[in-house]
Amino acid sequence: MMSTWNKFCFTGGLFEASVMLPGINNVVGMWPAVWAMGNLGRAGYGATLDGM
């Protein structure tokens, strides 16, 4: 897991990531995924459904 807490602030633009599963690459049914979570320290975060 990568954590950028208190180290990086993304304010706009394009975020691109390359995600790979460990091991062999011909396994079916497993999907690599990446999530970008907002600022948890900001007041009001999670109070709206704007991102849903």
PDB file of N, CA and C in Angstrom:
ATOM      1  N   MET A   1       0.832  -1.167   0.000  1.00  0.00           N
ATOM      2  CA  MET A   1       0.000   0.000   0.000  1.00  0.00           C
ATOM      3  C   MET A   1       0.885   1.242   0.000  1.00  0.00           C
ATOM      4  N   MET A   2       0.483   2.220  -0.773  1.00  0.00           N
ATOM      5  CA  MET A   2       1.217   3.475  -0.834  1.00  0.00           C
ATOM      6  C   MET A   2       0.444   4.534  -0.052  1.00  0.00           C
ATOM      7  N   SER A   3       1.121   5.253   0.808  1.00  0.00           N
ATOM      8  CA  SER A   3       0.488   6.309   1.592  1.00  0.00           C
ATOM      9  C   SER A   3       1.248   7.613   1.378  1.00  0.00           C
ATOM     10  N   THR A   4       0.501   8.667   1.035  1.00  0.00           N
ATOM     11  CA  THR A   4       1.114   9.980   0.851  1.00  0.00           C
ATOM     12  C   THR A   4       0.576  10.965   1.878  1.00  0.00           C
ATOM     13  N   TRP A   5       0.099  10.453   3.008  1.00  0.00           N
ATOM     14  CA  TRP A   5      -0.477  11.312   4.040  1.00  0.00           C
ATOM     15  C   TRP A   5       0.544  12.349   4.491  1.00  0.00           C
ATOM     16  N   ASN A   6       0.173  13.594   4.413  1.00  0.00           N
ATOM     17  CA  ASN A   6       0.992  14.724   4.841  1.00  0.00           C
ATOM     18  C   ASN A   6       2.280  14.872   4.019  1.00  0.00           C
ATOM     19  N   LYS A   7       2.328  14.286   2.821  1.00  0.00           N
ATOM     20  CA  LYS A   7       3.513  14.373   1.971  1.00  0.00           C
ATOM     21  C   LYS A   7       3.194  14.914   0.578  1.00  0.00           C
ATOM     22  N   PHE A   8       1.973  14.762   0.125  1.00  0.00           N
ATOM     23  CA  PHE A   8       1.621  15.093  -1.250  1.00  0.00           C
ATOM     24  C   PHE A   8       0.211  15.676  -1.275  1.00  0.00           C
ATOM     25  N   CYS A   9       0.021  16.756  -2.008  1.00  0.00           N
ATOM     26  CA  CYS A   9      -1.296  17.381  -2.126  1.00  0.00           C
ATOM     27  C   CYS A   9      -1.622  17.527  -3.611  1.00  0.00           C
ATOM     28  N   PHE A  10      -2.576  16.766  -4.081  1.00  0.00           N
ATOM     29  CA  PHE A  10      -2.991  16.792  -5.477  1.00  0.00           C
ATOM     30  C   PHE A  10      -4.102  17.826  -5.617  1.00  0.00           C
ATOM     31  N   THR A  11      -3.841  18.907  -6.336  1.00  0.00           N
ATOM     32  CA  THR A  11      -4.818  19.993  -6.430  1.00  0.00           C
ATOM     33  C   THR A  11      -5.538  20.045  -7.767  1.00  0.00           C
ATOM     34  N   GLY A  12      -5.128  19.254  -8.740  1.00  0.00           N
ATOM     35  CA  GLY A  12      -5.823  19.245 -10.015  1.00  0.00           C
ATOM     36  C   GLY A  12      -4.957  18.679 -11.112  1.00  0.00           C
ATOM     37  N   GLY A  13      -5.591  18.307 -12.204  1.00  0.00           N
ATOM     38  CA  GLY A  13      -4.857  17.742 -13.321  1.00  0.00           C
ATOM     39  C   GLY A  13      -5.204  16.289 -13.535  1.00  0.00           C
ATOM     40  N   LEU A  14      -4.232  15.505 -13.942  1.00  0.00           N
ATOM     41  CA  LEU A  14      -4.439  14.103 -14.273  1.00  0.00           C
ATOM     42  C   LEU A  14      -3.597  13.229 -13.365  1.00  0.00           C
ATOM     43  N   PHE A  15      -4.212  12.209 -12.813  1.00  0.00           N
ATOM     44  CA  PHE A  15      -3.510  11.249 -11.963  1.00  0.00           C
ATOM     45  C   PHE A  15      -3.487   9.926 -12.700  1.00  0.00           C
ATOM     46  N   GLU A  16      -2.300   9.393 -12.965  1.00  0.00           N
ATOM     47  CA  GLU A  16      -2.167   8.147 -13.713  1.00  0.00           C
ATOM     48  C   GLU A  16      -1.359   7.153 -12.899  1.00  0.00           C
ATOM     49  N   ALA A  17      -1.802   5.892 -12.893  1.00  0.00           N
ATOM     50  CA  ALA A  17      -1.108   4.852 -12.130  1.00  0.00           C
ATOM     51  C   ALA A  17      -1.045   3.575 -12.949  1.00  0.00           C
ATOM     52  N   SER A  18       0.008   2.823 -12.764  1.00  0.00           N
ATOM     53  CA  SER A  18       0.156   1.511 -13.380  1.00  0.00           C
ATOM     54  C   SER A  18       0.134   0.477 -12.261  1.00  0.00           C
ATOM     55  N   VAL A  19      -0.860  -0.407 -12.293  1.00  0.00           N
ATOM     56  CA  VAL A  19      -1.065  -1.372 -11.213  1.00  0.00           C
ATOM     57  C   VAL A  19      -0.880  -2.777 -11.762  1.00  0.00           C
ATOM     58  N   MET A  20      -0.075  -3.567 -11.062  1.00  0.00           N
ATOM     59  CA  MET A  20       0.164  -4.950 -11.480  1.00  0.00           C
ATOM     60  C   MET A  20      -0.044  -5.885 -10.297  1.00  0.00           C
ATOM     61  N   LEU A  21      -0.586  -7.066 -10.580  1.00  0.00           N
ATOM     62  CA  LEU A  21      -0.723  -8.096  -9.562  1.00  0.00           C
ATOM     63  C   LEU A  21       0.578  -8.872  -9.459  1.00  0.00           C
ATOM     64  N   PRO A  22       0.952  -9.295  -8.261  1.00  0.00           N
ATOM     65  CA  PRO A  22       2.156 -10.113  -8.130  1.00  0.00           C
ATOM     66  C   PRO A  22       1.916 -11.519  -8.674  1.00  0.00           C
ATOM     67  N   GLY A  23       2.961 -12.170  -9.106  1.00  0.00           N
ATOM     68  CA  GLY A  23       2.852 -13.550  -9.585  1.00  0.00           C
ATOM     69  C   GLY A  23       2.610 -13.622 -11.079  1.00  0.00           C
ATOM     70  N   ILE A  24       1.973 -14.719 -11.509  1.00  0.00           N
ATOM     71  CA  ILE A  24       1.735 -14.933 -12.937  1.00  0.00           C
ATOM     72  C   ILE A  24       0.644 -14.001 -13.438  1.00  0.00           C
ATOM     73  N   ASN A  25       0.659 -13.703 -14.730  1.00  0.00           N
ATOM     74  CA  ASN A  25      -0.263 -12.708 -15.273  1.00  0.00           C
ATOM     75  C   ASN A  25      -1.443 -13.309 -16.023  1.00  0.00           C
ATOM     76  N   ASN A  26      -1.651 -14.617 -15.966  1.00  0.00           N
ATOM     77  CA  ASN A  26      -2.776 -15.204 -16.687  1.00  0.00           C
ATOM     78  C   ASN A  26      -3.861 -15.716 -15.739  1.00  0.00           C
ATOM     79  N   VAL A  27      -3.984 -15.134 -14.558  1.00  0.00           N
ATOM     80  CA  VAL A  27      -5.019 -15.506 -13.602  1.00  0.00           C
ATOM     81  C   VAL A  27      -6.282 -14.732 -13.956  1.00  0.00           C
ATOM     82  N   VAL A  28      -7.414 -15.440 -14.091  1.00  0.00           N
ATOM     83  CA  VAL A  28      -8.666 -14.770 -14.424  1.00  0.00           C
ATOM     84  C   VAL A  28      -9.464 -14.493 -13.153  1.00  0.00           C
ATOM     85  N   GLY A  29     -10.269 -13.451 -13.194  1.00  0.00           N
ATOM     86  CA  GLY A  29     -11.144 -13.127 -12.081  1.00  0.00           C
ATOM     87  C   GLY A  29     -10.543 -12.190 -11.051  1.00  0.00           C
ATOM     88  N   MET A  30      -9.313 -11.758 -11.233  1.00  0.00           N
ATOM     89  CA  MET A  30      -8.699 -10.809 -10.302  1.00  0.00           C
ATOM     90  C   MET A  30      -8.416  -9.518 -11.060  1.00  0.00           C
ATOM     91  N   TRP A  31      -8.828  -8.393 -10.494  1.00  0.00           N
ATOM     92  CA  TRP A  31      -8.675  -7.101 -11.152  1.00  0.00           C
ATOM     93  C   TRP A  31      -7.880  -6.164 -10.252  1.00  0.00           C
ATOM     94  N   PRO A  32      -6.729  -5.665 -10.716  1.00  0.00           N
ATOM     95  CA  PRO A  32      -6.004  -4.666  -9.920  1.00  0.00           C
ATOM     96  C   PRO A  32      -6.813  -3.369  -9.884  1.00  0.00           C
ATOM     97  N   ALA A  33      -6.703  -2.642  -8.801  1.00  0.00           N
ATOM     98  CA  ALA A  33      -7.486  -1.413  -8.660  1.00  0.00           C
ATOM     99  C   ALA A  33      -6.710  -0.371  -7.867  1.00  0.00           C
ATOM    100  N   VAL A  34      -7.027   0.887  -8.119  1.00  0.00           N
ATOM    101  CA  VAL A  34      -6.421   2.011  -7.413  1.00  0.00           C
ATOM    102  C   VAL A  34      -7.542   2.971  -7.035  1.00  0.00           C
ATOM    103  N   TRP A  35      -7.493   3.469  -5.817  1.00  0.00           N
ATOM    104  CA  TRP A  35      -8.454   4.467  -5.365  1.00  0.00           C
ATOM    105  C   TRP A  35      -7.704   5.707  -4.921  1.00  0.00           C
ATOM    106  N   ALA A  36      -8.275   6.855  -5.188  1.00  0.00           N
ATOM    107  CA  ALA A  36      -7.732   8.118  -4.694  1.00  0.00           C
ATOM    108  C   ALA A  36      -8.730   8.665  -3.680  1.00  0.00           C
ATOM    109  N   MET A  37      -8.306   8.782  -2.444  1.00  0.00           N
ATOM    110  CA  MET A  37      -9.195   9.247  -1.388  1.00  0.00           C
ATOM    111  C   MET A  37      -8.954  10.723  -1.129  1.00  0.00           C
ATOM    112  N   GLY A  38     -10.015  11.436  -0.875  1.00  0.00           N
ATOM    113  CA  GLY A  38      -9.931  12.870  -0.637  1.00  0.00           C
ATOM    114  C   GLY A  38      -9.273  13.208   0.692  1.00  0.00           C
ATOM    115  N   ASN A  39      -9.274  14.474   1.013  1.00  0.00           N
ATOM    116  CA  ASN A  39      -8.648  14.973   2.228  1.00  0.00           C
ATOM    117  C   ASN A  39      -9.530  14.659   3.432  1.00  0.00           C
ATOM    118  N   LEU A  40      -9.141  13.693   4.237  1.00  0.00           N
ATOM    119  CA  LEU A  40      -9.938  13.288   5.389  1.00  0.00           C
ATOM    120  C   LEU A  40      -9.916  14.332   6.492  1.00  0.00           C
ATOM    121  N   GLY A  41      -8.904  15.191   6.505  1.00  0.00           N
ATOM    122  CA  GLY A  41      -8.804  16.206   7.532  1.00  0.00           C
ATOM    123  C   GLY A  41      -9.647  17.442   7.257  1.00  0.00           C
ATOM    124  N   ARG A  42     -10.213  17.531   6.069  1.00  0.00           N
ATOM    125  CA  ARG A  42     -11.004  18.701   5.693  1.00  0.00           C
ATOM    126  C   ARG A  42     -12.393  18.616   6.317  1.00  0.00           C
ATOM    127  N   ALA A  43     -12.856  19.683   6.879  1.00  0.00           N
ATOM    128  CA  ALA A  43     -14.197  19.702   7.477  1.00  0.00           C
ATOM    129  C   ALA A  43     -15.256  19.461   6.408  1.00  0.00           C
ATOM    130  N   GLY A  44     -16.209  18.605   6.692  1.00  0.00           N
ATOM    131  CA  GLY A  44     -17.292  18.332   5.760  1.00  0.00           C
ATOM    132  C   GLY A  44     -17.031  17.185   4.814  1.00  0.00           C
ATOM    133  N   TYR A  45     -15.851  16.577   4.861  1.00  0.00           N
ATOM    134  CA  TYR A  45     -15.573  15.459   3.957  1.00  0.00           C
ATOM    135  C   TYR A  45     -16.514  14.305   4.289  1.00  0.00           C
ATOM    136  N   GLY A  46     -17.149  13.758   3.294  1.00  0.00           N
ATOM    137  CA  GLY A  46     -18.075  12.652   3.495  1.00  0.00           C
ATOM    138  C   GLY A  46     -19.485  13.099   3.835  1.00  0.00           C
ATOM    139  N   ALA A  47     -19.709  14.405   3.954  1.00  0.00           N
ATOM    140  CA  ALA A  47     -21.032  14.905   4.304  1.00  0.00           C
ATOM    141  C   ALA A  47     -21.947  14.993   3.085  1.00  0.00           C
ATOM    142  N   THR A  48     -21.386  14.907   1.880  1.00  0.00           N
ATOM    143  CA  THR A  48     -22.202  14.983   0.674  1.00  0.00           C
ATOM    144  C   THR A  48     -21.978  13.741  -0.165  1.00  0.00           C
ATOM    145  N   LEU A  49     -22.821  13.575  -1.158  1.00  0.00           N
ATOM    146  CA  LEU A  49     -22.711  12.446  -2.075  1.00  0.00           C
ATOM    147  C   LEU A  49     -22.227  12.908  -3.442  1.00  0.00           C
ATOM    148  N   ASP A  50     -21.479  13.999  -3.506  1.00  0.00           N
ATOM    149  CA  ASP A  50     -21.020  14.555  -4.777  1.00  0.00           C
ATOM    150  C   ASP A  50     -20.173  13.572  -5.569  1.00  0.00           C
ATOM    151  N   GLY A  51     -19.368  12.779  -4.905  1.00  0.00           N
ATOM    152  CA  GLY A  51     -18.474  11.860  -5.600  1.00  0.00           C
ATOM    153  C   GLY A  51     -19.087  10.512  -5.922  1.00  0.00           C
ATOM    154  N   MET A  52     -20.320  10.290  -5.547  1.00  0.00           N
ATOM    155  CA  MET A  52     -20.957   8.981  -5.766  1.00  0.00           C
ATOM    156  C   MET A  52     -21.504   8.870  -7.154  1.00  0.00           C
TER     157      MET A  52
END
